[in-house]
Protein backbone atom coordinates (compact mmCIF):
# COMPACT_ATOMS: atom_id res chain seq x y z
CA UNK A 1 31.31 12.65 -35.58
CA UNK A 2 32.83 15.60 -33.35
CA UNK A 3 29.73 17.84 -34.56
CA UNK A 4 27.10 14.85 -33.86
CA UNK A 5 28.82 14.76 -30.19
CA UNK A 6 28.53 18.28 -29.83
CA UNK A 7 25.02 18.46 -30.79
CA UNK A 8 24.09 15.34 -28.60
CA UNK A 9 25.81 17.40 -25.70
CA UNK A 10 24.01 20.54 -26.39
CA UNK A 11 20.70 18.64 -26.28
CA UNK A 12 21.42 16.89 -23.09
CA UNK A 13 22.65 20.01 -21.52
CA UNK A 14 19.33 21.73 -22.72
CA UNK A 15 17.23 18.93 -20.99
CA UNK A 16 19.07 19.36 -17.86
CA UNK A 17 18.49 23.25 -17.86
CA UNK A 18 14.77 22.92 -18.69
CA UNK A 19 14.49 20.17 -15.84
CA UNK A 20 16.44 22.35 -13.23
CA UNK A 21 13.91 25.42 -14.36
CA UNK A 22 10.76 23.10 -13.98
CA UNK A 23 11.81 22.01 -10.73
CA UNK A 24 12.56 25.71 -9.55
CA UNK A 25 9.03 26.91 -10.49
CA UNK A 26 7.26 23.72 -9.39
CA UNK A 27 8.78 24.45 -5.91
CA UNK A 28 7.92 28.10 -6.24
CA UNK A 29 4.24 26.81 -6.78
CA UNK A 30 4.47 24.79 -3.97
CA UNK A 31 5.38 27.73 -1.70
CA UNK A 32 2.82 29.94 -2.69
CA UNK A 33 -0.03 27.12 -0.94
CA UNK A 34 0.64 27.34 2.61
CA UNK A 35 -1.76 24.29 3.01
CA UNK A 36 -1.19 21.03 1.10
CA UNK A 37 -3.41 17.98 1.77
CA UNK A 38 -2.39 14.62 -0.01
CA UNK A 39 -5.32 12.19 0.21
CA UNK A 40 -4.27 8.38 0.14
CA UNK A 41 -5.99 5.02 0.82
CA UNK A 42 -7.52 1.93 -0.68
CA UNK A 43 -11.32 3.35 -0.74
CA UNK A 44 -12.92 6.68 -0.65
CA UNK A 45 -10.00 8.91 -1.43
CA UNK A 46 -12.15 11.03 -3.94
CA UNK A 47 -15.11 11.15 -1.44
CA UNK A 48 -12.88 12.30 1.30
CA UNK A 49 -10.93 14.91 -0.87
CA UNK A 50 -14.14 16.37 -1.88
CA UNK A 51 -15.51 16.54 1.47
CA UNK A 52 -12.19 18.00 2.96
CA UNK A 53 -12.27 20.74 0.39
CA UNK A 54 -15.81 21.72 0.68
CA UNK A 55 -15.12 22.02 4.66
CA UNK A 56 -12.39 24.32 4.32
CA UNK A 57 -14.10 26.34 1.64
CA UNK A 58 -17.25 26.67 4.06
CA UNK A 59 -14.37 27.92 6.70
CA UNK A 60 -13.27 30.99 4.25
CA UNK A 61 -10.22 28.98 3.20
CA UNK A 62 -9.61 29.50 -0.31
CA UNK A 63 -9.15 25.70 -1.55
CA UNK A 64 -8.42 23.94 -4.72
CA UNK A 65 -9.03 20.27 -4.90
CA UNK A 66 -8.15 17.73 -7.54
CA UNK A 67 -9.79 14.03 -7.39
CA UNK A 68 -9.32 11.14 -9.92
CA UNK A 69 -11.95 8.95 -9.03
CA UNK A 70 -14.82 7.96 -11.73
CA UNK A 71 -13.41 11.05 -13.72
CA UNK A 72 -10.41 13.22 -12.82
CA UNK A 73 -11.59 16.81 -11.79
CA UNK A 74 -10.00 20.04 -10.66
CA UNK A 75 -12.36 22.11 -8.51
CA UNK A 76 -11.48 25.63 -8.04
CA UNK A 77 -12.07 27.83 -4.73
CA UNK A 78 -15.59 29.19 -5.80
CA UNK A 79 -16.65 25.28 -6.26
CA UNK A 80 -16.62 25.49 -9.93
CA UNK A 81 -15.54 22.06 -11.32
CA UNK A 82 -14.08 20.79 -14.74
CA UNK A 83 -12.59 17.74 -16.44
CA UNK A 84 -8.79 17.27 -16.05
CA UNK A 85 -7.47 17.31 -19.84
CA UNK A 86 -5.14 14.37 -20.18
CA UNK A 87 -3.37 13.87 -23.68
CA UNK A 88 -2.51 10.57 -22.90
CA UNK A 89 -2.61 8.00 -20.14
CA UNK A 90 -2.85 9.19 -16.43
CA UNK A 91 0.55 10.11 -15.04
CA UNK A 92 1.59 11.16 -11.72
CA UNK A 93 3.80 14.17 -13.36
CA UNK A 94 0.28 15.95 -14.25
CA UNK A 95 0.33 16.96 -10.48
CA UNK A 96 2.95 19.50 -11.32
CA UNK A 97 0.23 21.32 -13.45
CA UNK A 98 -2.20 20.82 -10.86
CA UNK A 99 -0.23 22.73 -8.46
CA UNK A 100 0.74 25.61 -10.79
CA UNK A 101 -3.28 25.89 -11.58
CA UNK A 102 -3.99 25.88 -7.69
CA UNK A 103 -1.15 28.59 -7.21
CA UNK A 104 -2.22 31.02 -10.11
CA UNK A 105 -6.03 30.43 -8.67
CA UNK A 106 -4.79 32.14 -5.55
CA UNK A 107 -5.79 29.11 -3.54
CA UNK A 108 -4.62 28.89 0.37
CA UNK A 109 -5.12 25.22 0.28
CA UNK A 110 -5.03 22.35 -2.10
CA UNK A 111 -6.54 19.15 -1.45
CA UNK A 112 -5.06 16.58 -3.86
CA UNK A 113 -6.04 12.76 -4.39
CA UNK A 114 -2.98 10.50 -4.77
CA UNK A 115 -3.16 8.83 -8.02
CA UNK A 116 -0.17 6.34 -7.92
CA UNK A 117 -0.35 2.88 -7.25
CA UNK A 118 3.06 1.47 -7.52
CA UNK A 119 4.91 2.08 -3.98
CA UNK A 120 7.85 3.80 -5.45
CA UNK A 121 5.66 6.27 -7.53
CA UNK A 122 3.77 6.86 -4.16
CA UNK A 123 6.60 7.90 -2.43
CA UNK A 124 7.69 9.94 -5.69
CA UNK A 125 4.38 11.62 -5.57
CA UNK A 126 4.63 12.97 -2.06
CA UNK A 127 8.24 13.77 -1.91
CA UNK A 128 8.96 15.37 -4.91
CA UNK A 129 5.26 16.57 -6.39
CA UNK A 130 3.11 17.47 -3.51
CA UNK A 131 5.34 17.71 -0.60
CA UNK A 132 2.06 17.96 1.53
CA UNK A 133 1.99 19.56 4.93
CA UNK A 134 -1.32 17.30 5.90
CA UNK A 135 -1.79 13.63 4.64
CA UNK A 136 -4.60 11.55 4.88
CA UNK A 137 -5.00 7.78 4.66
CA UNK A 138 -8.32 6.58 4.34
CA UNK A 139 -8.19 3.07 5.04
CA UNK A 140 -6.36 -0.08 4.02
CA UNK A 141 -8.25 -2.71 2.09
CA UNK A 142 -7.13 -5.64 -0.04
CA UNK A 143 -7.15 -4.29 -3.60
CA UNK A 144 -4.70 -3.89 -6.16
CA UNK A 145 -2.77 -6.64 -4.58
CA UNK A 146 -0.89 -7.52 -7.67
CA UNK A 147 0.95 -3.94 -7.22
CA UNK A 148 0.77 -3.32 -3.61
CA UNK A 149 0.39 -6.82 -1.98
CA UNK A 150 0.29 -9.77 -1.57
CA UNK A 151 -1.11 -8.95 2.05
CA UNK A 152 -3.07 -6.01 3.48
CA UNK A 153 -0.03 -5.22 5.53
CA UNK A 154 1.97 -4.79 2.29
CA UNK A 155 -0.57 -2.22 1.11
CA UNK A 156 -0.13 -0.45 4.23
CA UNK A 157 3.54 -0.15 3.71
CA UNK A 158 3.17 1.04 -0.01
CA UNK A 159 0.25 3.71 1.54
CA UNK A 160 2.89 4.90 3.98
CA UNK A 161 5.04 5.97 1.03
CA UNK A 162 2.71 9.24 1.01
CA UNK A 163 3.13 10.08 4.62
CA UNK A 164 4.54 13.84 4.59
CA UNK A 165 8.01 14.93 6.03
CA UNK A 166 7.35 17.18 8.90
CA UNK A 167 3.81 17.38 8.59
CA UNK A 168 0.75 15.81 10.16
CA UNK A 169 -0.92 12.63 8.95
CA UNK A 170 -4.59 11.96 9.54
CA UNK A 171 -5.30 8.35 9.86
CA UNK A 172 -8.39 7.03 9.12
CA UNK A 173 -7.41 3.06 9.14
CA UNK A 174 -8.35 1.55 12.41
CA UNK A 175 -6.93 -1.75 12.18
CA UNK A 176 -3.42 -1.77 10.71
CA UNK A 177 -1.48 1.24 11.94
CA UNK A 178 2.04 -0.02 12.50
CA UNK A 179 3.43 1.15 8.97
CA UNK A 180 1.79 4.49 9.55
CA UNK A 181 3.20 5.06 12.84
CA UNK A 182 7.05 3.84 11.92
CA UNK A 183 6.64 6.33 8.63
CA UNK A 184 5.69 9.20 11.05
CA UNK A 185 8.35 8.55 13.43
CA UNK A 186 11.04 8.26 10.55
CA UNK A 187 9.72 11.56 8.77
CA UNK A 188 9.09 13.43 11.84
CA UNK A 189 5.36 13.94 11.12
CA UNK A 190 2.61 14.07 14.01
CA UNK A 191 -0.12 11.33 13.63
CA UNK A 192 -3.79 12.19 14.39
CA UNK A 193 -5.82 8.80 14.33
CA UNK A 194 -9.60 8.38 13.83
CA UNK A 195 -11.14 6.75 16.94
CA UNK A 196 -14.31 4.76 16.93
CA UNK A 197 -15.89 7.38 19.11
CA UNK A 198 -15.30 10.19 16.31
CA UNK A 199 -17.27 7.78 14.00
CA UNK A 200 -19.87 7.43 16.46
CA UNK A 201 -20.32 11.06 16.82
CA UNK A 202 -21.47 11.36 13.25
CA UNK A 203 -25.22 11.12 13.91
CA UNK A 204 -28.03 10.22 11.73
CA UNK A 205 -28.96 13.51 11.49
CA UNK A 206 -25.47 14.24 10.20
CA UNK A 207 -25.75 11.73 7.15
CA UNK A 208 -29.00 12.85 6.47
CA UNK A 209 -27.89 16.23 5.20
CA UNK A 210 -26.22 14.38 2.17
CA UNK A 211 -28.21 13.97 -1.00
CA UNK A 212 -26.15 10.75 -1.92
CA UNK A 213 -24.90 7.94 0.20
CA UNK A 214 -21.98 8.68 2.32
CA UNK A 215 -20.21 6.77 4.68
CA UNK A 216 -19.92 7.58 8.14
CA UNK A 217 -16.22 6.88 8.42
CA UNK A 218 -15.39 9.26 5.46
CA UNK A 219 -17.33 12.17 6.93
CA UNK A 220 -16.06 11.70 10.60
CA UNK A 221 -12.39 11.58 8.77
CA UNK A 222 -12.95 14.80 6.85
CA UNK A 223 -14.22 16.59 9.85
CA UNK A 224 -11.04 15.38 11.80
CA UNK A 225 -9.02 17.14 9.07
CA UNK A 226 -11.10 20.18 8.79
CA UNK A 227 -11.14 20.89 12.55
CA UNK A 228 -7.34 20.05 12.77
CA UNK A 229 -6.97 22.91 10.06
CA UNK A 230 -8.95 25.36 12.22
CA UNK A 231 -12.48 25.03 10.61
CA UNK A 232 -15.24 24.34 13.42
CA UNK A 233 -17.13 21.25 12.94
CA UNK A 234 -20.49 22.78 12.28
CA UNK A 235 -19.12 24.93 9.68
CA UNK A 236 -17.23 22.29 7.95
CA UNK A 237 -20.42 19.80 7.88
CA UNK A 238 -22.55 22.46 6.33
CA UNK A 239 -20.30 22.79 3.48
CA UNK A 240 -19.78 19.14 2.98
CA UNK A 241 -23.57 18.80 2.81
CA UNK A 242 -23.55 21.29 -0.21
CA UNK A 243 -20.65 19.39 -2.02
CA UNK A 244 -20.89 17.94 -5.40
CA UNK A 245 -20.34 14.26 -4.87
CA UNK A 246 -18.08 12.20 -7.35
CA UNK A 247 -19.54 10.85 -10.35
CA UNK A 248 -19.21 7.48 -9.01
CA UNK A 249 -21.02 8.02 -5.46
CA UNK A 250 -23.07 5.45 -4.01
CA UNK A 251 -26.78 6.45 -4.95
CA UNK A 252 -30.02 4.81 -5.19
CA UNK A 253 -32.85 4.74 -8.05
CA UNK A 254 -36.20 3.34 -8.12
CA UNK A 255 -37.78 2.53 -11.55
CA UNK A 256 -41.36 1.59 -12.76
CA UNK A 257 -40.28 -0.12 -15.86
CA UNK A 258 -43.32 -1.20 -17.76
CA UNK A 259 -45.14 -2.34 -14.59
CA UNK A 260 -41.77 -4.05 -12.97
CA UNK A 261 -40.39 -2.18 -9.80
CA UNK A 262 -36.91 -2.00 -9.76
CA UNK A 263 -34.17 -0.59 -7.06
CA UNK A 264 -31.21 0.01 -8.50
CA UNK A 265 -27.87 0.76 -6.06
CA UNK A 266 -24.85 2.31 -7.74
CA UNK A 267 -22.05 0.60 -5.82
CA UNK A 268 -19.66 0.07 -8.70
CA UNK A 269 -16.96 2.39 -6.81
CA UNK A 270 -16.56 -0.33 -4.17
CA UNK A 271 -14.62 -2.65 -5.52
CA UNK A 272 -12.52 -4.62 -3.09
CA UNK A 273 -14.55 -7.74 -1.01
CA UNK A 274 -14.73 -5.96 2.15
CA UNK A 275 -16.20 -2.75 1.11
CA UNK A 276 -18.49 -4.66 -1.45
CA UNK A 277 -19.99 -6.97 1.06
CA UNK A 278 -20.76 -4.28 3.42
CA UNK A 279 -22.86 -2.30 0.86
CA UNK A 280 -24.41 -5.40 -0.65
CA UNK A 281 -25.82 -6.48 3.04
CA UNK A 282 -26.95 -2.50 3.58
CA UNK A 283 -28.66 -2.80 0.14
CA UNK A 284 -30.49 -5.73 1.33
CA UNK A 285 -31.32 -4.60 4.51
CA UNK A 286 -32.96 -1.41 3.16
CA UNK A 287 -34.77 -3.22 0.52
CA UNK A 288 -35.96 -6.30 1.99
CA UNK A 289 -39.57 -6.22 0.25
CA UNK A 290 -37.99 -6.92 -3.26
CA UNK A 291 -39.13 -10.15 -4.90
CA UNK A 292 -35.67 -11.03 -6.56
CA UNK A 293 -32.01 -9.85 -5.87
CA UNK A 294 -29.57 -9.26 -8.86
CA UNK A 295 -25.76 -8.76 -8.39
CA UNK A 296 -24.25 -6.93 -11.52
CA UNK A 297 -20.44 -7.40 -11.56
CA UNK A 298 -18.52 -5.25 -13.79
CA UNK A 299 -15.29 -7.14 -14.53
CA UNK A 300 -12.10 -5.89 -16.36
CA UNK A 301 -9.56 -8.09 -17.90
CA UNK A 302 -6.78 -5.73 -16.77
CA UNK A 303 -7.97 -6.17 -13.17
CA UNK A 304 -8.04 -10.01 -13.17
CA UNK A 305 -6.87 -10.19 -9.30
CA UNK A 306 -9.99 -8.01 -8.26
CA UNK A 307 -12.22 -10.26 -10.33
CA UNK A 308 -10.66 -13.41 -8.58
CA UNK A 309 -11.08 -11.73 -5.19
CA UNK A 310 -14.71 -10.95 -5.62
CA UNK A 311 -15.58 -14.00 -7.55
CA UNK A 312 -14.29 -16.24 -4.39
CA UNK A 313 -15.63 -13.64 -1.76
CA UNK A 314 -19.35 -13.06 -3.02
CA UNK A 315 -19.97 -16.91 -2.37
CA UNK A 316 -19.73 -16.21 1.42
CA UNK A 317 -22.16 -13.37 1.39
CA UNK A 318 -26.10 -13.42 1.17
CA UNK A 319 -27.08 -15.06 -2.03
CA UNK A 320 -28.50 -13.27 -4.96
CA UNK A 321 -30.96 -14.88 -7.38
CA UNK A 322 -28.75 -13.98 -10.42
CA UNK A 323 -25.27 -12.76 -11.03
CA UNK A 324 -25.02 -10.80 -13.90
CA UNK A 325 -21.05 -10.52 -15.06
CA UNK A 326 -20.41 -7.76 -17.52
CA UNK A 327 -17.17 -6.05 -18.96
CA UNK A 328 -14.33 -7.95 -19.92
CA UNK A 329 -12.64 -11.06 -18.42
CA UNK A 330 -15.77 -12.28 -16.84
CA UNK A 331 -14.69 -15.95 -16.99
CA UNK A 332 -12.07 -15.01 -14.20
CA UNK A 333 -14.97 -14.10 -11.84
CA UNK A 334 -17.08 -17.06 -13.08
CA UNK A 335 -14.32 -19.41 -12.59
CA UNK A 336 -13.59 -18.48 -8.92
CA UNK A 337 -16.97 -18.14 -7.82
CA UNK A 338 -18.04 -21.87 -9.16
CA UNK A 339 -14.99 -23.31 -7.82
CA UNK A 340 -16.14 -21.91 -4.58
CA UNK A 341 -19.57 -23.50 -4.99
CA UNK A 342 -21.59 -20.96 -6.50
CA UNK A 343 -24.56 -22.41 -8.78
CA UNK A 344 -23.53 -21.84 -12.36
CA UNK A 345 -26.94 -21.78 -13.39
CA UNK A 346 -27.15 -18.29 -11.38
CA UNK A 347 -24.79 -16.89 -13.65
CA UNK A 348 -25.40 -14.65 -16.68
CA UNK A 349 -22.53 -13.46 -18.76
CA UNK A 350 -22.69 -10.52 -20.96
CA UNK A 351 -19.33 -10.32 -21.91
CA UNK A 352 -18.22 -6.72 -23.57
CA UNK A 353 -21.52 -5.89 -24.33
CA UNK A 354 -22.69 -2.26 -24.48
CA UNK A 355 -24.46 -1.12 -21.57
CA UNK A 356 -27.98 -0.65 -22.84
CA UNK A 357 -27.66 -4.56 -23.87
CA UNK A 358 -26.76 -5.22 -20.47
CA UNK A 359 -29.62 -3.15 -18.95
CA UNK A 360 -31.99 -5.29 -21.04
CA UNK A 361 -30.52 -8.47 -19.79
CA UNK A 362 -31.03 -7.54 -16.26
CA UNK A 363 -34.69 -6.52 -16.74
CA UNK A 364 -35.15 -10.08 -18.08
CA UNK A 365 -34.52 -11.42 -14.75
CA UNK A 366 -36.53 -8.70 -12.64
CA UNK A 367 -39.75 -10.37 -12.33
CA UNK A 368 -42.25 -8.25 -10.53
CA UNK A 369 -39.92 -6.41 -8.24
CA UNK A 370 -36.19 -6.60 -7.91
CA UNK A 371 -33.18 -5.11 -6.02
CA UNK A 372 -30.21 -4.35 -8.65
CA UNK A 373 -26.80 -3.60 -7.32
CA UNK A 374 -23.91 -2.66 -9.39
CA UNK A 375 -20.36 -3.63 -8.21
CA UNK A 376 -16.99 -4.40 -9.29
CA UNK A 377 -15.43 -1.40 -11.41
CA UNK A 378 -16.92 2.05 -12.56
CA UNK A 379 -15.01 2.13 -15.53
CA UNK A 380 -15.47 -0.45 -18.44
CA UNK A 381 -19.20 0.30 -18.64
CA UNK A 382 -20.14 0.62 -15.17
CA UNK A 383 -20.79 4.30 -15.27
CA UNK A 384 -22.66 4.00 -18.44
CA UNK A 385 -25.02 1.40 -16.78
CA UNK A 386 -25.58 3.41 -13.60
CA UNK A 387 -26.53 6.20 -15.77
CA UNK A 388 -29.12 4.17 -17.93
CA UNK A 389 -30.79 3.44 -14.52
CA UNK A 390 -30.53 7.13 -13.41
CA UNK A 391 -32.22 8.54 -16.51
CA UNK A 392 -35.12 6.09 -16.01
CA UNK A 393 -35.82 6.78 -12.49
CA UNK A 394 -38.98 7.90 -11.47
CA UNK A 395 -37.80 9.15 -7.80
CA UNK A 396 -36.00 12.59 -7.90
CA UNK A 397 -34.57 12.36 -4.64
CA UNK A 398 -32.71 9.02 -3.94
CA UNK A 399 -32.99 7.03 -0.94
CA UNK A 400 -30.14 6.74 1.63
CA UNK A 401 -28.97 5.25 4.44
CA UNK A 402 -26.38 5.10 7.23
């Protein structure tokens, strides 16, 4: 028994020593990167992180970036991008490895997207793993309410867990600001808030420089961060134009499919009701000539609350001719929508079907021409369906709107 206890105590001592050593090396790696930008928020984190990193690189600052949007990616100072290897499910501890990679690459700046949802993990990710010099909050939207809710103000308080200590917070949210102001006071950080004037200052000419559909608010926020870090606006913007977008970025494809004209808008990455309604209306305005309007919602059984919210909300939006429900847990969306008054005959359920079968189902409802828009979730089939439309596109340069 004594020998067993000695072995156990020895193992515990070894683990503690390894933990102390890892903490030492992590802090050493952090110190090698003088600018650390931690991007959080409900929507647009990946886009804003990519824009900031591109703007800083254009300004001559050696910058690494790590995003966890559609596909987790590491971007090196020369702009080269590769997928982040994950031996298991996503874990915030992987940020330790990212910091080490950035330090070894000679980066002067690291822009990293917050990958935590649980409020406690958001605080842990910032205070122990990233220790940002500059924090960024894109916005506060009613999403992941089962974890951060139930109200938008609760989401704001959860996101405020990533406010840095003794740094600067760039705040893109323009409605709910109280929790962030309080967190900045508590942690001794300066608050720089995005104004309506700054968003309006992003012109149509500025937006035409992007080869995909980007949002003015994202561009304005990223420009504010880059200017705060010493990069001139024009220089930062030119870098953003040349940046590679997230694979889930909103794009538009046109198809001539056996005589049927189809316009497909990839809006799968917008999965809260507010953002989704906004881009649905934008799509309808941009393509008013379509004979039919088809809304494709990619559902996920593990995102039941999101499906319920979208199902309830879509009834208040401009009506689609057909609602195609793909993915898993489609009944949650269908039940919420029909209980709010949506005509059940407009629903087409393709539960747990491969993307090619979903594509064929959509084509059956197109008529002579149709606007088809994907919404809900990128993962679980959304990205695969978007690729099917893109690979059949007859227009190489995507249409854009601002």
